[in-house]
N, C-alpha and C. Protein backbone atom coordinates (compact mmCIF):
# COMPACT_ATOMS: atom_id res chain seq x y z
N MET A 1 -28.59 18.72 9.97
CA MET A 1 -27.60 17.87 10.68
C MET A 1 -27.19 16.92 8.90
N MET A 2 -28.56 17.27 8.23
CA MET A 2 -27.98 16.45 7.21
C MET A 2 -27.41 16.99 6.49
N LEU A 3 -27.36 18.49 6.41
CA LEU A 3 -26.74 19.04 5.44
C LEU A 3 -24.96 19.31 5.84
N ARG A 4 -24.72 19.27 6.94
CA ARG A 4 -23.54 18.75 7.76
C ARG A 4 -22.80 17.44 6.76
N PHE A 5 -23.86 16.24 6.83
CA PHE A 5 -23.58 15.24 6.57
C PHE A 5 -23.05 15.29 4.96
N TRP A 6 -23.77 16.15 3.95
CA TRP A 6 -23.56 16.12 2.61
C TRP A 6 -22.36 17.14 2.17
N LEU A 7 -22.32 17.62 3.07
CA LEU A 7 -20.87 18.64 3.16
C LEU A 7 -19.52 18.17 3.33
N VAL A 8 -19.59 17.11 4.13
CA VAL A 8 -18.83 16.31 4.84
C VAL A 8 -17.98 15.52 3.64
N CYS A 9 -19.15 14.67 2.99
CA CYS A 9 -19.24 13.88 1.95
C CYS A 9 -18.88 14.16 0.47
N PHE A 10 -19.12 16.01 0.62
CA PHE A 10 -18.74 16.58 -0.75
C PHE A 10 -16.98 16.94 -0.62
N GLY A 11 -17.04 17.08 0.73
CA GLY A 11 -15.29 17.44 0.82
C GLY A 11 -14.41 16.18 0.81
N ILE A 12 -15.28 15.37 1.27
CA ILE A 12 -14.32 14.02 1.29
C ILE A 12 -13.88 13.54 -0.34
N LEU A 13 -15.05 13.63 -1.01
CA LEU A 13 -15.21 13.29 -2.47
C LEU A 13 -14.13 14.20 -3.33
N PHE A 14 -14.17 15.62 -3.32
CA PHE A 14 -13.28 16.36 -3.58
C PHE A 14 -11.74 16.08 -3.17
N ALA A 15 -11.84 15.91 -1.99
CA ALA A 15 -10.27 15.38 -1.74
C ALA A 15 -9.80 14.33 -2.39
N MET A 16 -10.69 13.33 -2.30
CA MET A 16 -9.99 11.64 -3.27
C MET A 16 -9.97 12.31 -4.76
N VAL A 17 -10.85 13.05 -5.11
CA VAL A 17 -10.57 13.45 -7.00
C VAL A 17 -9.06 14.28 -6.98
N GLU A 18 -8.90 15.41 -6.13
CA GLU A 18 -7.65 16.03 -6.38
C GLU A 18 -6.70 14.84 -6.20
N LEU A 19 -6.57 14.00 -5.14
CA LEU A 19 -5.34 13.41 -4.86
C LEU A 19 -5.00 12.11 -5.90
N TRP A 20 -6.45 11.85 -6.56
CA TRP A 20 -6.35 10.84 -7.60
C TRP A 20 -5.95 11.73 -8.70
N GLY A 21 -6.05 12.91 -9.08
CA GLY A 21 -5.69 13.88 -10.09
C GLY A 21 -3.63 13.91 -9.84
N TRP A 22 -3.50 14.32 -8.90
CA TRP A 22 -1.92 14.21 -8.52
C TRP A 22 -1.39 13.22 -8.64
N LEU A 23 -1.95 12.06 -8.23
CA LEU A 23 -1.25 10.87 -8.23
C LEU A 23 -1.03 10.54 -9.85
N GLN A 24 -1.91 10.59 -10.65
CA GLN A 24 -1.74 10.24 -12.48
C GLN A 24 -0.81 11.20 -12.59
N GLU A 25 -0.22 12.07 -12.13
CA GLU A 25 0.81 12.99 -12.37
C GLU A 25 2.03 12.77 -12.22
N LEU A 26 2.09 11.78 -10.73
CA LEU A 26 3.38 11.68 -10.45
C LEU A 26 4.02 10.69 -11.06
N THR A 27 5.53 10.80 -11.10
CA THR A 27 6.27 9.82 -12.04
C THR A 27 7.15 9.60 -11.26
N LEU A 28 7.56 8.19 -10.92
CA LEU A 28 8.50 7.60 -9.59
C LEU A 28 9.73 7.35 -10.54
N SER A 29 10.85 6.98 -10.27
CA SER A 29 11.83 6.58 -10.90
C SER A 29 11.93 4.98 -10.46
N PHE A 30 12.51 4.36 -11.34
CA PHE A 30 12.95 2.86 -11.19
C PHE A 30 13.53 2.49 -9.88
N PRO A 31 14.34 2.88 -9.47
CA PRO A 31 14.68 2.58 -8.26
C PRO A 31 13.72 3.06 -6.89
N LEU A 32 13.16 3.85 -7.22
CA LEU A 32 12.26 4.40 -6.15
C LEU A 32 11.31 3.19 -5.76
N CYS A 33 10.55 2.61 -7.00
CA CYS A 33 9.61 2.00 -7.22
C CYS A 33 10.16 0.24 -6.78
N ILE A 34 11.43 0.22 -6.82
CA ILE A 34 11.73 -0.91 -6.44
C ILE A 34 11.75 -0.98 -4.63
N LEU A 35 12.69 0.24 -4.22
CA LEU A 35 12.68 0.67 -2.72
C LEU A 35 11.72 0.56 -2.43
N GLY A 36 10.39 0.89 -2.82
CA GLY A 36 8.87 0.75 -2.56
C GLY A 36 8.63 -0.59 -1.98
N GLY A 37 8.51 -1.40 -3.18
CA GLY A 37 8.23 -2.84 -3.46
C GLY A 37 8.87 -3.35 -2.29
N ILE A 38 10.12 -3.17 -1.78
CA ILE A 38 10.92 -4.03 -0.94
C ILE A 38 10.18 -3.49 0.54
N VAL A 39 10.12 -2.07 0.53
CA VAL A 39 9.47 -2.03 2.21
C VAL A 39 8.10 -2.66 2.18
N LEU A 40 7.21 -2.38 1.07
CA LEU A 40 6.18 -2.92 1.58
C LEU A 40 6.11 -4.62 1.95
N ALA A 41 7.18 -5.28 0.81
CA ALA A 41 7.40 -6.47 1.42
C ALA A 41 7.61 -7.18 2.67
N ILE A 42 8.61 -5.87 3.35
CA ILE A 42 9.28 -6.31 4.26
C ILE A 42 7.84 -5.94 5.42
N VAL A 43 7.01 -4.71 5.75
CA VAL A 43 6.03 -4.61 6.22
C VAL A 43 5.15 -5.80 6.11
N SER A 44 4.77 -6.29 4.84
CA SER A 44 3.44 -7.20 4.97
C SER A 44 3.95 -8.65 5.29
N ASN A 45 5.06 -9.05 5.47
CA ASN A 45 5.45 -10.03 6.22
C ASN A 45 6.40 -9.68 7.70
N LEU A 46 5.99 -8.73 8.08
CA LEU A 46 6.78 -8.52 9.31
C LEU A 46 6.07 -9.33 10.39
N LYS A 47 4.83 -9.69 10.20
CA LYS A 47 4.42 -10.62 11.68
C LYS A 47 4.70 -12.18 11.50
N PHE A 48 5.05 -12.28 10.63
CA PHE A 48 5.86 -13.97 10.09
C PHE A 48 7.14 -14.03 10.14
N SER A 49 7.57 -13.00 10.64
CA SER A 49 9.03 -12.78 10.93
C SER A 49 9.67 -12.99 12.66
N PRO A 50 10.18 -13.93 13.12
CA PRO A 50 10.42 -13.75 14.05
C PRO A 50 11.66 -12.53 14.98
N LEU A 51 10.98 -12.44 15.86
CA LEU A 51 11.26 -10.84 16.12
C LEU A 51 12.88 -11.64 16.90
N PRO A 52 14.15 -10.37 17.41
CA PRO A 52 14.95 -10.95 17.81
C PRO A 52 15.07 -10.69 19.60
N SER A 53 13.79 -10.95 19.82
CA SER A 53 13.54 -10.70 21.48
C SER A 53 12.94 -11.82 21.84
N SER A 54 12.42 -12.85 20.73
CA SER A 54 11.99 -14.24 21.11
C SER A 54 12.85 -15.16 21.22
N ALA A 55 13.82 -15.05 20.85
CA ALA A 55 15.23 -15.94 21.10
C ALA A 55 15.75 -15.82 22.20
N THR A 56 15.53 -14.64 22.89
CA THR A 56 15.87 -14.90 24.35
C THR A 56 14.73 -15.43 25.24
N HIS A 57 13.77 -15.91 24.91
CA HIS A 57 12.74 -16.50 25.46
C HIS A 57 12.71 -18.06 25.48
N LEU A 58 13.33 -18.51 24.65
CA LEU A 58 13.74 -19.85 24.46
C LEU A 58 14.07 -20.87 25.39
N THR A 59 13.92 -22.18 25.65
CA THR A 59 14.31 -22.76 26.78
C THR A 59 14.51 -23.87 26.36
N LEU A 60 15.81 -24.75 26.70
CA LEU A 60 16.31 -25.74 26.33
C LEU A 60 15.93 -26.95 27.09
N PRO A 61 15.46 -28.63 26.58
CA PRO A 61 14.90 -29.18 27.55
C PRO A 61 15.84 -29.36 28.81
N PRO A 62 15.55 -30.22 29.71
CA PRO A 62 16.51 -30.70 30.33
C PRO A 62 17.36 -31.72 29.68
N GLN A 63 18.47 -32.01 30.52
CA GLN A 63 19.37 -32.75 30.02
C GLN A 63 19.22 -34.47 30.53
N ARG A 64 19.54 -35.46 29.95
CA ARG A 64 19.67 -36.60 30.56
C ARG A 64 20.56 -36.89 31.28
N SER A 65 21.06 -37.26 32.23
CA SER A 65 21.54 -37.60 33.23
C SER A 65 22.18 -39.16 33.03
N ASP A 66 21.49 -39.99 32.90
CA ASP A 66 21.87 -41.07 32.42
C ASP A 66 22.87 -41.50 31.41
N GLN A 67 23.54 -40.53 30.67
CA GLN A 67 25.08 -40.78 29.47
C GLN A 67 25.92 -40.98 30.25
């Protein structure tokens, strides 16, 4: 059981080191970085934006008849 734990930890660490080396060699163009930033901004603020379906659930207050 303990050997399996160490093998899993070693595998995860090895994958992280290889991924880090691959990411350091990766170069992204400027428009791709801008697009990525826009996507991240939209996704991070998605819960704050009103959804179109919520507009159908709005109810107006009753009109007063004394006018």
